[in-house]
Amino acid sequence: AMNAELPGGMTLMADMLNCRDRYNAT
């Protein structure tokens, strides 16, 4: 339902999390 009704929000959320430098960023 979230992907159907708020596709951009769900895509952008994943994009933002993919920007993380999980093991180095402080």
mmCIF file of all heavy atoms, coordinates in Angstrom:
data_MODEL
# 
_entry.id   MODEL 
# 
loop_
_atom_site.group_PDB 
_atom_site.id 
_atom_site.type_symbol 
_atom_site.label_atom_id 
_atom_site.label_alt_id 
_atom_site.label_comp_id 
_atom_site.label_asym_id 
_atom_site.label_entity_id 
_atom_site.label_seq_id 
_atom_site.pdbx_PDB_ins_code 
_atom_site.Cartn_x 
_atom_site.Cartn_y 
_atom_site.Cartn_z 
_atom_site.occupancy 
_atom_site.B_iso_or_equiv 
_atom_site.pdbx_formal_charge 
_atom_site.auth_seq_id 
_atom_site.auth_comp_id 
_atom_site.auth_asym_id 
_atom_site.auth_atom_id 
_atom_site.pdbx_PDB_model_num 
ATOM 1   N N   . ALA A 1 1  ? 0.826  -1.202 0.000  1.00 0.00 ? 1  ALA A N   1 
ATOM 2   C CA  . ALA A 1 1  ? 0.000  0.000  0.000  1.00 0.00 ? 1  ALA A CA  1 
ATOM 3   C C   . ALA A 1 1  ? 0.862  1.255  0.000  1.00 0.00 ? 1  ALA A C   1 
ATOM 4   O O   . ALA A 1 1  ? 0.573  2.230  -0.719 1.00 0.00 ? 1  ALA A O   1 
ATOM 5   C CB  . ALA A 1 1  ? -0.937 -0.003 1.206  1.00 0.00 ? 1  ALA A CB  1 
ATOM 6   N N   . MET A 1 2  ? 1.920  1.259  0.778  1.00 0.00 ? 2  MET A N   1 
ATOM 7   C CA  . MET A 1 2  ? 2.809  2.424  0.839  1.00 0.00 ? 2  MET A CA  1 
ATOM 8   C C   . MET A 1 2  ? 3.467  2.680  -0.516 1.00 0.00 ? 2  MET A C   1 
ATOM 9   O O   . MET A 1 2  ? 3.551  3.819  -0.973 1.00 0.00 ? 2  MET A O   1 
ATOM 10  C CB  . MET A 1 2  ? 3.872  2.216  1.913  1.00 0.00 ? 2  MET A CB  1 
ATOM 11  C CG  . MET A 1 2  ? 3.345  2.210  3.336  1.00 0.00 ? 2  MET A CG  1 
ATOM 12  S SD  . MET A 1 2  ? 2.689  3.819  3.857  1.00 0.00 ? 2  MET A SD  1 
ATOM 13  C CE  . MET A 1 2  ? 4.164  4.827  3.862  1.00 0.00 ? 2  MET A CE  1 
ATOM 14  N N   . ASN A 1 3  ? 3.935  1.618  -1.166 1.00 0.00 ? 3  ASN A N   1 
ATOM 15  C CA  . ASN A 1 3  ? 4.586  1.774  -2.465 1.00 0.00 ? 3  ASN A CA  1 
ATOM 16  C C   . ASN A 1 3  ? 3.601  2.201  -3.546 1.00 0.00 ? 3  ASN A C   1 
ATOM 17  O O   . ASN A 1 3  ? 3.975  2.884  -4.502 1.00 0.00 ? 3  ASN A O   1 
ATOM 18  C CB  . ASN A 1 3  ? 5.273  0.469  -2.867 1.00 0.00 ? 3  ASN A CB  1 
ATOM 19  C CG  . ASN A 1 3  ? 6.569  0.241  -2.111 1.00 0.00 ? 3  ASN A CG  1 
ATOM 20  O OD1 . ASN A 1 3  ? 7.432  1.111  -2.061 1.00 0.00 ? 3  ASN A OD1 1 
ATOM 21  N ND2 . ASN A 1 3  ? 6.716  -0.917 -1.494 1.00 0.00 ? 3  ASN A ND2 1 
ATOM 22  N N   . ALA A 1 4  ? 2.335  1.812  -3.385 1.00 0.00 ? 4  ALA A N   1 
ATOM 23  C CA  . ALA A 1 4  ? 1.320  2.180  -4.371 1.00 0.00 ? 4  ALA A CA  1 
ATOM 24  C C   . ALA A 1 4  ? 0.854  3.612  -4.198 1.00 0.00 ? 4  ALA A C   1 
ATOM 25  O O   . ALA A 1 4  ? 0.677  4.342  -5.188 1.00 0.00 ? 4  ALA A O   1 
ATOM 26  C CB  . ALA A 1 4  ? 0.127  1.226  -4.270 1.00 0.00 ? 4  ALA A CB  1 
ATOM 27  N N   . GLU A 1 5  ? 0.638  4.048  -2.954 1.00 0.00 ? 5  GLU A N   1 
ATOM 28  C CA  . GLU A 1 5  ? 0.044  5.357  -2.696 1.00 0.00 ? 5  GLU A CA  1 
ATOM 29  C C   . GLU A 1 5  ? 1.069  6.459  -2.450 1.00 0.00 ? 5  GLU A C   1 
ATOM 30  O O   . GLU A 1 5  ? 0.780  7.639  -2.633 1.00 0.00 ? 5  GLU A O   1 
ATOM 31  C CB  . GLU A 1 5  ? -0.908 5.266  -1.495 1.00 0.00 ? 5  GLU A CB  1 
ATOM 32  C CG  . GLU A 1 5  ? -2.005 4.209  -1.633 1.00 0.00 ? 5  GLU A CG  1 
ATOM 33  C CD  . GLU A 1 5  ? -3.058 4.573  -2.668 1.00 0.00 ? 5  GLU A CD  1 
ATOM 34  O OE1 . GLU A 1 5  ? -2.865 5.546  -3.411 1.00 0.00 ? 5  GLU A OE1 1 
ATOM 35  O OE2 . GLU A 1 5  ? -4.086 3.876  -2.731 1.00 0.00 ? 5  GLU A OE2 1 
ATOM 36  N N   . LEU A 1 6  ? 2.285  6.091  -2.024 1.00 0.00 ? 6  LEU A N   1 
ATOM 37  C CA  . LEU A 1 6  ? 3.342  7.074  -1.762 1.00 0.00 ? 6  LEU A CA  1 
ATOM 38  C C   . LEU A 1 6  ? 4.651  6.604  -2.399 1.00 0.00 ? 6  LEU A C   1 
ATOM 39  O O   . LEU A 1 6  ? 5.679  6.481  -1.729 1.00 0.00 ? 6  LEU A O   1 
ATOM 40  C CB  . LEU A 1 6  ? 3.528  7.254  -0.248 1.00 0.00 ? 6  LEU A CB  1 
ATOM 41  C CG  . LEU A 1 6  ? 2.341  7.858  0.507  1.00 0.00 ? 6  LEU A CG  1 
ATOM 42  C CD1 . LEU A 1 6  ? 2.489  7.636  2.005  1.00 0.00 ? 6  LEU A CD1 1 
ATOM 43  C CD2 . LEU A 1 6  ? 2.187  9.343  0.187  1.00 0.00 ? 6  LEU A CD2 1 
ATOM 44  N N   . PRO A 1 7  ? 4.650  6.350  -3.690 1.00 0.00 ? 7  PRO A N   1 
ATOM 45  C CA  . PRO A 1 7  ? 5.836  5.757  -4.323 1.00 0.00 ? 7  PRO A CA  1 
ATOM 46  C C   . PRO A 1 7  ? 7.081  6.619  -4.216 1.00 0.00 ? 7  PRO A C   1 
ATOM 47  O O   . PRO A 1 7  ? 8.181  6.111  -3.967 1.00 0.00 ? 7  PRO A O   1 
ATOM 48  C CB  . PRO A 1 7  ? 5.404  5.566  -5.781 1.00 0.00 ? 7  PRO A CB  1 
ATOM 49  C CG  . PRO A 1 7  ? 4.270  6.522  -5.992 1.00 0.00 ? 7  PRO A CG  1 
ATOM 50  C CD  . PRO A 1 7  ? 3.560  6.588  -4.669 1.00 0.00 ? 7  PRO A CD  1 
ATOM 51  N N   . GLY A 1 8  ? 6.930  7.918  -4.392 1.00 0.00 ? 8  GLY A N   1 
ATOM 52  C CA  . GLY A 1 8  ? 8.089  8.794  -4.318 1.00 0.00 ? 8  GLY A CA  1 
ATOM 53  C C   . GLY A 1 8  ? 8.697  8.844  -2.938 1.00 0.00 ? 8  GLY A C   1 
ATOM 54  O O   . GLY A 1 8  ? 9.922  8.842  -2.783 1.00 0.00 ? 8  GLY A O   1 
ATOM 55  N N   . GLY A 1 9  ? 7.845  8.898  -1.914 1.00 0.00 ? 9  GLY A N   1 
ATOM 56  C CA  . GLY A 1 9  ? 8.342  8.914  -0.550 1.00 0.00 ? 9  GLY A CA  1 
ATOM 57  C C   . GLY A 1 9  ? 9.122  7.660  -0.204 1.00 0.00 ? 9  GLY A C   1 
ATOM 58  O O   . GLY A 1 9  ? 10.185 7.722  0.428  1.00 0.00 ? 9  GLY A O   1 
ATOM 59  N N   . MET A 1 10 ? 8.618  6.505  -0.635 1.00 0.00 ? 10 MET A N   1 
ATOM 60  C CA  . MET A 1 10 ? 9.301  5.246  -0.343 1.00 0.00 ? 10 MET A CA  1 
ATOM 61  C C   . MET A 1 10 ? 10.620 5.146  -1.115 1.00 0.00 ? 10 MET A C   1 
ATOM 62  O O   . MET A 1 10 ? 11.626 4.671  -0.583 1.00 0.00 ? 10 MET A O   1 
ATOM 63  C CB  . MET A 1 10 ? 8.388  4.081  -0.687 1.00 0.00 ? 10 MET A CB  1 
ATOM 64  C CG  . MET A 1 10 ? 7.135  4.018  0.184  1.00 0.00 ? 10 MET A CG  1 
ATOM 65  S SD  . MET A 1 10 ? 7.489  3.788  1.948  1.00 0.00 ? 10 MET A SD  1 
ATOM 66  C CE  . MET A 1 10 ? 7.956  2.050  1.962  1.00 0.00 ? 10 MET A CE  1 
ATOM 67  N N   . THR A 1 11 ? 10.613 5.608  -2.360 1.00 0.00 ? 11 THR A N   1 
ATOM 68  C CA  . THR A 1 11 ? 11.854 5.607  -3.146 1.00 0.00 ? 11 THR A CA  1 
ATOM 69  C C   . THR A 1 11 ? 12.886 6.536  -2.544 1.00 0.00 ? 11 THR A C   1 
ATOM 70  O O   . THR A 1 11 ? 14.065 6.180  -2.412 1.00 0.00 ? 11 THR A O   1 
ATOM 71  C CB  . THR A 1 11 ? 11.560 6.031  -4.598 1.00 0.00 ? 11 THR A CB  1 
ATOM 72  O OG1 . THR A 1 11 ? 10.684 5.078  -5.203 1.00 0.00 ? 11 THR A OG1 1 
ATOM 73  C CG2 . THR A 1 11 ? 12.841 6.110  -5.416 1.00 0.00 ? 11 THR A CG2 1 
ATOM 74  N N   . LEU A 1 12 ? 12.442 7.727  -2.173 1.00 0.00 ? 12 LEU A N   1 
ATOM 75  C CA  . LEU A 1 12 ? 13.374 8.713  -1.630 1.00 0.00 ? 12 LEU A CA  1 
ATOM 76  C C   . LEU A 1 12 ? 13.937 8.260  -0.297 1.00 0.00 ? 12 LEU A C   1 
ATOM 77  O O   . LEU A 1 12 ? 15.119 8.472  -0.005 1.00 0.00 ? 12 LEU A O   1 
ATOM 78  C CB  . LEU A 1 12 ? 12.675 10.066 -1.478 1.00 0.00 ? 12 LEU A CB  1 
ATOM 79  C CG  . LEU A 1 12 ? 13.571 11.238 -1.056 1.00 0.00 ? 12 LEU A CG  1 
ATOM 80  C CD1 . LEU A 1 12 ? 14.703 11.445 -2.058 1.00 0.00 ? 12 LEU A CD1 1 
ATOM 81  C CD2 . LEU A 1 12 ? 12.748 12.503 -0.917 1.00 0.00 ? 12 LEU A CD2 1 
ATOM 82  N N   . MET A 1 13 ? 13.104 7.625  0.535  1.00 0.00 ? 13 MET A N   1 
ATOM 83  C CA  . MET A 1 13 ? 13.585 7.110  1.811  1.00 0.00 ? 13 MET A CA  1 
ATOM 84  C C   . MET A 1 13 ? 14.732 6.128  1.577  1.00 0.00 ? 13 MET A C   1 
ATOM 85  O O   . MET A 1 13 ? 15.779 6.193  2.233  1.00 0.00 ? 13 MET A O   1 
ATOM 86  C CB  . MET A 1 13 ? 12.445 6.438  2.575  1.00 0.00 ? 13 MET A CB  1 
ATOM 87  C CG  . MET A 1 13 ? 12.824 5.867  3.935  1.00 0.00 ? 13 MET A CG  1 
ATOM 88  S SD  . MET A 1 13 ? 13.341 4.127  3.872  1.00 0.00 ? 13 MET A SD  1 
ATOM 89  C CE  . MET A 1 13 ? 11.792 3.359  3.391  1.00 0.00 ? 13 MET A CE  1 
ATOM 90  N N   . ALA A 1 14 ? 14.565 5.217  0.632  1.00 0.00 ? 14 ALA A N   1 
ATOM 91  C CA  . ALA A 1 14 ? 15.635 4.254  0.329  1.00 0.00 ? 14 ALA A CA  1 
ATOM 92  C C   . ALA A 1 14 ? 16.869 4.965  -0.216 1.00 0.00 ? 14 ALA A C   1 
ATOM 93  O O   . ALA A 1 14 ? 18.006 4.616  0.137  1.00 0.00 ? 14 ALA A O   1 
ATOM 94  C CB  . ALA A 1 14 ? 15.125 3.223  -0.671 1.00 0.00 ? 14 ALA A CB  1 
ATOM 95  N N   . ASP A 1 15 ? 16.670 5.971  -1.075 1.00 0.00 ? 15 ASP A N   1 
ATOM 96  C CA  . ASP A 1 15 ? 17.806 6.727  -1.615 1.00 0.00 ? 15 ASP A CA  1 
ATOM 97  C C   . ASP A 1 15 ? 18.592 7.415  -0.508 1.00 0.00 ? 15 ASP A C   1 
ATOM 98  O O   . ASP A 1 15 ? 19.829 7.423  -0.524 1.00 0.00 ? 15 ASP A O   1 
ATOM 99  C CB  . ASP A 1 15 ? 17.307 7.784  -2.610 1.00 0.00 ? 15 ASP A CB  1 
ATOM 100 C CG  . ASP A 1 15 ? 16.810 7.190  -3.915 1.00 0.00 ? 15 ASP A CG  1 
ATOM 101 O OD1 . ASP A 1 15 ? 17.095 6.006  -4.184 1.00 0.00 ? 15 ASP A OD1 1 
ATOM 102 O OD2 . ASP A 1 15 ? 16.124 7.921  -4.658 1.00 0.00 ? 15 ASP A OD2 1 
ATOM 103 N N   . MET A 1 16 ? 17.884 8.003  0.449  1.00 0.00 ? 16 MET A N   1 
ATOM 104 C CA  . MET A 1 16 ? 18.571 8.700  1.542  1.00 0.00 ? 16 MET A CA  1 
ATOM 105 C C   . MET A 1 16 ? 19.378 7.735  2.384  1.00 0.00 ? 16 MET A C   1 
ATOM 106 O O   . MET A 1 16 ? 20.512 8.018  2.771  1.00 0.00 ? 16 MET A O   1 
ATOM 107 C CB  . MET A 1 16 ? 17.552 9.462  2.396  1.00 0.00 ? 16 MET A CB  1 
ATOM 108 C CG  . MET A 1 16 ? 16.954 10.680 1.704  1.00 0.00 ? 16 MET A CG  1 
ATOM 109 S SD  . MET A 1 16 ? 15.874 11.692 2.750  1.00 0.00 ? 16 MET A SD  1 
ATOM 110 C CE  . MET A 1 16 ? 14.401 10.659 2.842  1.00 0.00 ? 16 MET A CE  1 
ATOM 111 N N   . LEU A 1 17 ? 18.819 6.570  2.671  1.00 0.00 ? 17 LEU A N   1 
ATOM 112 C CA  . LEU A 1 17 ? 19.545 5.589  3.471  1.00 0.00 ? 17 LEU A CA  1 
ATOM 113 C C   . LEU A 1 17 ? 20.733 5.014  2.702  1.00 0.00 ? 17 LEU A C   1 
ATOM 114 O O   . LEU A 1 17 ? 21.760 4.670  3.297  1.00 0.00 ? 17 LEU A O   1 
ATOM 115 C CB  . LEU A 1 17 ? 18.596 4.465  3.914  1.00 0.00 ? 17 LEU A CB  1 
ATOM 116 C CG  . LEU A 1 17 ? 17.513 4.880  4.911  1.00 0.00 ? 17 LEU A CG  1 
ATOM 117 C CD1 . LEU A 1 17 ? 16.614 3.696  5.244  1.00 0.00 ? 17 LEU A CD1 1 
ATOM 118 C CD2 . LEU A 1 17 ? 18.115 5.457  6.188  1.00 0.00 ? 17 LEU A CD2 1 
ATOM 119 N N   . ASN A 1 18 ? 20.619 4.926  1.381  1.00 0.00 ? 18 ASN A N   1 
ATOM 120 C CA  . ASN A 1 18 ? 21.723 4.418  0.567  1.00 0.00 ? 18 ASN A CA  1 
ATOM 121 C C   . ASN A 1 18 ? 22.893 5.392  0.507  1.00 0.00 ? 18 ASN A C   1 
ATOM 122 O O   . ASN A 1 18 ? 23.995 5.014  0.087  1.00 0.00 ? 18 ASN A O   1 
ATOM 123 C CB  . ASN A 1 18 ? 21.238 4.098  -0.846 1.00 0.00 ? 18 ASN A CB  1 
ATOM 124 C CG  . ASN A 1 18 ? 20.399 2.837  -0.900 1.00 0.00 ? 18 ASN A CG  1 
ATOM 125 O OD1 . ASN A 1 18 ? 20.515 1.966  -0.036 1.00 0.00 ? 18 ASN A OD1 1 
ATOM 126 N ND2 . ASN A 1 18 ? 19.552 2.721  -1.914 1.00 0.00 ? 18 ASN A ND2 1 
ATOM 127 N N   . CYS A 1 19 ? 22.659 6.627  0.908  1.00 0.00 ? 19 CYS A N   1 
ATOM 128 C CA  . CYS A 1 19 ? 23.732 7.622  0.923  1.00 0.00 ? 19 CYS A CA  1 
ATOM 129 C C   . CYS A 1 19 ? 24.652 7.479  2.133  1.00 0.00 ? 19 CYS A C   1 
ATOM 130 O O   . CYS A 1 19 ? 25.681 8.153  2.215  1.00 0.00 ? 19 CYS A O   1 
ATOM 131 C CB  . CYS A 1 19 ? 23.142 9.031  0.904  1.00 0.00 ? 19 CYS A CB  1 
ATOM 132 S SG  . CYS A 1 19 ? 22.573 9.562  -0.716 1.00 0.00 ? 19 CYS A SG  1 
ATOM 133 N N   . ARG A 1 20 ? 24.277 6.642  3.065  1.00 0.00 ? 20 ARG A N   1 
ATOM 134 C CA  . ARG A 1 20 ? 25.078 6.518  4.290  1.00 0.00 ? 20 ARG A CA  1 
ATOM 135 C C   . ARG A 1 20 ? 26.444 5.881  4.017  1.00 0.00 ? 20 ARG A C   1 
ATOM 136 O O   . ARG A 1 20 ? 26.571 4.968  3.218  1.00 0.00 ? 20 ARG A O   1 
ATOM 137 C CB  . ARG A 1 20 ? 24.338 5.650  5.319  1.00 0.00 ? 20 ARG A CB  1 
ATOM 138 C CG  . ARG A 1 20 ? 23.078 6.247  5.881  1.00 0.00 ? 20 ARG A CG  1 
ATOM 139 C CD  . ARG A 1 20 ? 22.372 5.242  6.782  1.00 0.00 ? 20 ARG A CD  1 
ATOM 140 N NE  . ARG A 1 20 ? 21.976 4.045  6.036  1.00 0.00 ? 20 ARG A NE  1 
ATOM 141 C CZ  . ARG A 1 20 ? 21.630 2.897  6.593  1.00 0.00 ? 20 ARG A CZ  1 
ATOM 142 N NH1 . ARG A 1 20 ? 21.639 2.774  7.903  1.00 0.00 ? 20 ARG A NH1 1 
ATOM 143 N NH2 . ARG A 1 20 ? 21.275 1.869  5.840  1.00 0.00 ? 20 ARG A NH2 1 
ATOM 144 N N   . ASP A 1 21 ? 27.446 6.365  4.709  1.00 0.00 ? 21 ASP A N   1 
ATOM 145 C CA  . ASP A 1 21 ? 28.740 5.687  4.801  1.00 0.00 ? 21 ASP A CA  1 
ATOM 146 C C   . ASP A 1 21 ? 28.736 4.973  6.147  1.00 0.00 ? 21 ASP A C   1 
ATOM 147 O O   . ASP A 1 21 ? 29.208 5.492  7.154  1.00 0.00 ? 21 ASP A O   1 
ATOM 148 C CB  . ASP A 1 21 ? 29.877 6.697  4.709  1.00 0.00 ? 21 ASP A CB  1 
ATOM 149 C CG  . ASP A 1 21 ? 31.249 6.040  4.746  1.00 0.00 ? 21 ASP A CG  1 
ATOM 150 O OD1 . ASP A 1 21 ? 31.311 4.795  4.889  1.00 0.00 ? 21 ASP A OD1 1 
ATOM 151 O OD2 . ASP A 1 21 ? 32.254 6.763  4.648  1.00 0.00 ? 21 ASP A OD2 1 
ATOM 152 N N   . ARG A 1 22 ? 28.146 3.793  6.164  1.00 0.00 ? 22 ARG A N   1 
ATOM 153 C CA  . ARG A 1 22 ? 27.763 3.146  7.424  1.00 0.00 ? 22 ARG A CA  1 
ATOM 154 C C   . ARG A 1 22 ? 28.945 2.842  8.341  1.00 0.00 ? 22 ARG A C   1 
ATOM 155 O O   . ARG A 1 22 ? 28.788 2.859  9.568  1.00 0.00 ? 22 ARG A O   1 
ATOM 156 C CB  . ARG A 1 22 ? 27.015 1.846  7.123  1.00 0.00 ? 22 ARG A CB  1 
ATOM 157 C CG  . ARG A 1 22 ? 25.698 2.064  6.373  1.00 0.00 ? 22 ARG A CG  1 
ATOM 158 C CD  . ARG A 1 22 ? 25.073 0.746  5.990  1.00 0.00 ? 22 ARG A CD  1 
ATOM 159 N NE  . ARG A 1 22 ? 24.769 -0.068 7.145  1.00 0.00 ? 22 ARG A NE  1 
ATOM 160 C CZ  . ARG A 1 22 ? 24.471 -1.365 7.087  1.00 0.00 ? 22 ARG A CZ  1 
ATOM 161 N NH1 . ARG A 1 22 ? 24.481 -1.985 5.924  1.00 0.00 ? 22 ARG A NH1 1 
ATOM 162 N NH2 . ARG A 1 22 ? 24.194 -2.036 8.194  1.00 0.00 ? 22 ARG A NH2 1 
ATOM 163 N N   . TYR A 1 23 ? 30.111 2.580  7.788  1.00 0.00 ? 23 TYR A N   1 
ATOM 164 C CA  . TYR A 1 23 ? 31.217 2.104  8.619  1.00 0.00 ? 23 TYR A CA  1 
ATOM 165 C C   . TYR A 1 23 ? 32.288 3.159  8.879  1.00 0.00 ? 23 TYR A C   1 
ATOM 166 O O   . TYR A 1 23 ? 33.231 2.898  9.637  1.00 0.00 ? 23 TYR A O   1 
ATOM 167 C CB  . TYR A 1 23 ? 31.856 0.874  7.973  1.00 0.00 ? 23 TYR A CB  1 
ATOM 168 C CG  . TYR A 1 23 ? 30.884 -0.283 7.863  1.00 0.00 ? 23 TYR A CG  1 
ATOM 169 C CD1 . TYR A 1 23 ? 30.224 -0.544 6.658  1.00 0.00 ? 23 TYR A CD1 1 
ATOM 170 C CD2 . TYR A 1 23 ? 30.604 -1.082 8.966  1.00 0.00 ? 23 TYR A CD2 1 
ATOM 171 C CE1 . TYR A 1 23 ? 29.306 -1.582 6.564  1.00 0.00 ? 23 TYR A CE1 1 
ATOM 172 C CE2 . TYR A 1 23 ? 29.691 -2.128 8.871  1.00 0.00 ? 23 TYR A CE2 1 
ATOM 173 C CZ  . TYR A 1 23 ? 29.052 -2.371 7.671  1.00 0.00 ? 23 TYR A CZ  1 
ATOM 174 O OH  . TYR A 1 23 ? 28.140 -3.399 7.581  1.00 0.00 ? 23 TYR A OH  1 
ATOM 175 N N   . ASN A 1 24 ? 32.148 4.322  8.281  1.00 0.00 ? 24 ASN A N   1 
ATOM 176 C CA  . ASN A 1 24 ? 33.182 5.343  8.443  1.00 0.00 ? 24 ASN A CA  1 
ATOM 177 C C   . ASN A 1 24 ? 32.669 6.701  8.908  1.00 0.00 ? 24 ASN A C   1 
ATOM 178 O O   . ASN A 1 24 ? 33.390 7.426  9.588  1.00 0.00 ? 24 ASN A O   1 
ATOM 179 C CB  . ASN A 1 24 ? 33.936 5.543  7.111  1.00 0.00 ? 24 ASN A CB  1 
ATOM 180 C CG  . ASN A 1 24 ? 34.629 4.275  6.648  1.00 0.00 ? 24 ASN A CG  1 
ATOM 181 O OD1 . ASN A 1 24 ? 35.554 3.799  7.296  1.00 0.00 ? 24 ASN A OD1 1 
ATOM 182 N ND2 . ASN A 1 24 ? 34.176 3.730  5.523  1.00 0.00 ? 24 ASN A ND2 1 
ATOM 183 N N   . ALA A 1 25 ? 31.439 7.056  8.546  1.00 0.00 ? 25 ALA A N   1 
ATOM 184 C CA  . ALA A 1 25 ? 30.950 8.409  8.829  1.00 0.00 ? 25 ALA A CA  1 
ATOM 185 C C   . ALA A 1 25 ? 30.699 8.623  10.310 1.00 0.00 ? 25 ALA A C   1 
ATOM 186 O O   . ALA A 1 25 ? 30.102 7.782  10.989 1.00 0.00 ? 25 ALA A O   1 
ATOM 187 C CB  . ALA A 1 25 ? 29.661 8.667  8.057  1.00 0.00 ? 25 ALA A CB  1 
ATOM 188 N N   . THR A 1 26 ? 31.149 9.759  10.804 1.00 0.00 ? 26 THR A N   1 
ATOM 189 C CA  . THR A 1 26 ? 30.828 10.188 12.170 1.00 0.00 ? 26 THR A CA  1 
ATOM 190 C C   . THR A 1 26 ? 29.853 11.358 12.158 1.00 0.00 ? 26 THR A C   1 
ATOM 191 O O   . THR A 1 26 ? 29.290 11.710 13.192 1.00 0.00 ? 26 THR A O   1 
ATOM 192 C CB  . THR A 1 26 ? 32.091 10.612 12.936 1.00 0.00 ? 26 THR A CB  1 
ATOM 193 O OG1 . THR A 1 26 ? 32.727 11.685 12.230 1.00 0.00 ? 26 THR A OG1 1 
ATOM 194 C CG2 . THR A 1 26 ? 33.061 9.431  13.063 1.00 0.00 ? 26 THR A CG2 1 
# 
